[in-house]
Structure formats: structure tokens, C-alpha cells
Amino acid sequence: MTGQARAEASAQAMWESDRASQYLGMQIVEVGEGQATLQMTVRPEFCNGHGICHGGLTFTLADSAFAFACNSRNQATVAQHNQVSYLAPGREGDVLTATAREVSLSGRSGLYDVTVTNQDAVVIAEFRGASRAIRGQLFEE
């Protein structure tokens, strides 16, 4: 199985059980070995008391892209810790895109950067996630 085929099969296996990402209306745009791109439209109920996209939902989109990137090799992998910097507000109706890319993978530990942009290529947030491989696979090869 090629790396791309494994990444696609891993994403499909994860997506089937990822009720949170589905519920929030996320879509997988692209996956590859060590990378993933997801999108989500900011719905009215995603906005906080300031009328902008709640930071937790921006974080959730970035975290989901991170998860699909770090699980792309069919090795069950979870977040060890994450950090996010919010650079601009997301607004109702915006289509947010989270693009995750692997920075480092060594043994069971990985490091991933995720950039969240809107439909005008404005950077909304920068996210860094550290991953840890655990026992198991997403699908049987």
C-alpha cells in the first residue's frame, strides 16, 4: 500500500467514528502522509459574545486537522499537548481551512504545525501540536 493510499484509508477509518468533526460540519479537503486539510463554515451558533468565532471552535478545527495528519500512517496516535495563537477573528459565514503539516516524527513522538485561514487567505490562527503514538491501528492492513 502506498503512503497516499494508507493516509486516505486512515482518514476514512477515523472519519467514520469522528462524530465531533462531523457534527460541527467539518469536511476533509485533502490528506497525505503527515498532512491533512480540513474546512468548516462558521455558523451563527459558533459565534461568541463578541460576535466572532469562538476560539474553542477554531482550536477544534485545527485539532481535527492535526489528528488526521498524525494518524495518516495507520498508527493510532493521540495529542500529547497543543498550543494555539489567535491572530485574527473568524466571522459568521467564513469558511475556515486548517492545514496541518508534520514538522518532525521521531519514534513515538511527532510535532505538527497547523495554520487556520479564512476564504480570503487571512491567517486566523497558528496551532502547534505534539503527538504520541499508542498501541493499535485504525484499520487492518
Protein backbone atom coordinates (compact mmCIF):
# COMPACT_ATOMS: atom_id res chain seq x y z
CA MET A 1 0.00 0.00 0.00
CA THR A 2 1.40 3.43 -0.92
CA GLY A 3 1.74 6.20 1.65
CA GLN A 4 -1.07 8.15 -0.02
CA ALA A 5 -3.42 5.14 -0.05
CA ARG A 6 -2.61 4.47 3.63
CA ALA A 7 -3.31 8.11 4.51
CA GLU A 8 -6.66 8.02 2.71
CA ALA A 9 -7.68 4.71 4.33
CA SER A 10 -6.61 6.00 7.74
CA ALA A 11 -8.65 9.18 7.26
CA GLN A 12 -11.71 7.17 6.20
CA ALA A 13 -11.40 4.88 9.23
CA MET A 14 -11.08 7.85 11.60
CA TRP A 15 -13.85 9.85 9.92
CA GLU A 16 -16.37 7.05 10.40
CA SER A 17 -16.04 7.40 14.19
CA ASP A 18 -15.34 11.15 14.42
CA ARG A 19 -18.80 12.33 15.40
CA ALA A 20 -17.50 15.65 16.78
CA SER A 21 -15.95 16.80 13.49
CA GLN A 22 -18.97 15.59 11.56
CA TYR A 23 -21.38 17.37 13.94
CA LEU A 24 -19.53 20.64 13.51
CA GLY A 25 -19.81 20.34 9.72
CA MET A 26 -16.12 19.81 9.02
CA GLN A 27 -15.04 18.37 5.72
CA ILE A 28 -11.81 16.64 4.81
CA VAL A 29 -10.33 18.51 1.85
CA GLU A 30 -7.09 16.59 1.48
CA VAL A 31 -4.94 14.07 3.32
CA GLY A 32 -1.47 12.72 2.73
CA GLU A 33 1.32 11.17 4.72
CA GLY A 34 1.91 13.54 7.65
CA GLN A 35 -0.55 16.15 6.40
CA ALA A 36 -4.24 16.97 6.30
CA THR A 37 -6.50 19.86 5.34
CA LEU A 38 -9.99 20.29 6.80
CA GLN A 39 -12.62 23.00 6.33
CA MET A 40 -15.51 24.30 8.40
CA THR A 41 -18.01 27.10 7.85
CA VAL A 42 -18.56 29.41 10.83
CA ARG A 43 -22.24 29.03 11.68
CA PRO A 44 -24.16 31.62 13.77
CA GLU A 45 -24.11 29.32 16.80
CA PHE A 46 -20.29 29.20 16.60
CA CYS A 47 -20.02 32.90 17.48
CA ASN A 48 -19.29 34.15 20.98
CA GLY A 49 -20.46 37.24 22.87
CA HIS A 50 -18.21 39.44 20.71
CA GLY A 51 -19.91 38.19 17.54
CA ILE A 52 -16.80 36.36 16.33
CA CYS A 53 -15.99 32.68 16.02
CA HIS A 54 -15.40 31.18 19.45
CA GLY A 55 -11.72 30.37 19.88
CA GLY A 56 -12.55 26.88 21.07
CA LEU A 57 -14.15 26.09 17.72
CA THR A 58 -11.17 27.45 15.80
CA PHE A 59 -8.99 25.29 18.05
CA THR A 60 -11.22 22.27 17.42
CA LEU A 61 -10.86 22.63 13.64
CA ALA A 62 -7.06 22.87 13.98
CA ASP A 63 -7.03 19.93 16.40
CA SER A 64 -9.02 17.78 13.97
CA ALA A 65 -6.63 18.57 11.10
CA PHE A 66 -3.73 17.73 13.45
CA ALA A 67 -5.39 14.41 14.32
CA PHE A 68 -5.85 13.38 10.69
CA ALA A 69 -2.24 14.35 9.89
CA CYS A 70 -0.64 12.48 12.78
CA ASN A 71 -2.79 9.36 12.23
CA SER A 72 -2.07 9.24 8.49
CA ARG A 73 0.30 6.26 8.74
CA ASN A 74 -2.33 3.93 10.29
CA GLN A 75 -0.65 4.10 13.70
CA ALA A 76 -3.09 5.10 16.45
CA THR A 77 -1.83 8.48 17.67
CA VAL A 78 -3.17 10.98 20.22
CA ALA A 79 -2.36 14.53 21.25
CA GLN A 80 0.24 14.96 23.95
CA HIS A 81 -0.16 18.74 24.18
CA ASN A 82 -1.19 21.63 21.95
CA GLN A 83 -0.90 25.39 21.83
CA VAL A 84 -2.69 27.96 19.70
CA SER A 85 -2.18 31.63 18.89
CA TYR A 86 -5.18 33.57 17.59
CA LEU A 87 -4.15 36.18 15.04
CA ALA A 88 -7.44 37.42 13.56
CA PRO A 89 -11.11 36.77 14.25
CA GLY A 90 -13.18 34.32 12.29
CA ARG A 91 -16.59 35.72 11.41
CA GLU A 92 -20.01 34.22 10.79
CA GLY A 93 -20.12 32.76 7.28
CA ASP A 94 -16.34 32.46 6.98
CA VAL A 95 -15.02 29.21 5.55
CA LEU A 96 -12.08 28.29 7.73
CA THR A 97 -9.39 25.98 6.40
CA ALA A 98 -6.95 24.20 8.71
CA THR A 99 -3.81 22.89 7.01
CA ALA A 100 -1.70 20.54 9.14
CA ARG A 101 1.84 19.51 8.26
CA GLU A 102 4.31 17.28 10.01
CA VAL A 103 7.40 19.07 11.31
CA SER A 104 9.09 16.11 12.99
CA LEU A 105 8.43 12.42 13.63
CA SER A 106 10.85 10.50 15.82
CA GLY A 107 9.91 7.20 17.38
CA ARG A 108 6.51 7.58 19.03
CA SER A 109 6.60 11.40 19.17
CA GLY A 110 5.59 13.86 16.48
CA LEU A 111 5.34 17.61 16.07
CA TYR A 112 2.80 19.27 13.74
CA ASP A 113 2.02 22.83 12.72
CA VAL A 114 -1.49 23.82 11.67
CA THR A 115 -2.40 27.10 10.01
CA VAL A 116 -6.04 28.17 10.02
CA THR A 117 -7.05 30.65 7.31
CA ASN A 118 -10.32 32.08 6.05
CA GLN A 119 -11.59 32.15 2.47
CA ASP A 120 -9.55 35.33 1.82
CA ALA A 121 -6.28 33.64 2.95
CA VAL A 122 -6.21 35.70 6.16
CA VAL A 123 -4.41 33.73 8.87
CA ILE A 124 -6.85 33.25 11.74
CA ALA A 125 -4.69 31.06 14.00
CA GLU A 126 -1.44 29.14 14.25
CA PHE A 127 -1.53 25.86 16.17
CA ARG A 128 1.29 23.54 17.21
CA GLY A 129 0.54 20.02 18.34
CA ALA A 130 2.71 17.31 19.83
CA SER A 131 1.57 13.75 19.22
CA ARG A 132 2.25 10.40 20.85
CA ALA A 133 1.73 7.06 19.13
CA ILE A 134 -0.18 4.49 21.17
CA ARG A 135 -0.98 0.83 20.62
CA GLY A 136 -3.18 -0.13 17.69
CA GLN A 137 -4.04 0.77 14.16
CA LEU A 138 -7.01 2.49 12.57
CA PHE A 139 -7.68 -0.32 10.12
CA GLU A 140 -6.30 -3.77 9.46
CA GLU A 141 -3.75 -3.86 6.65
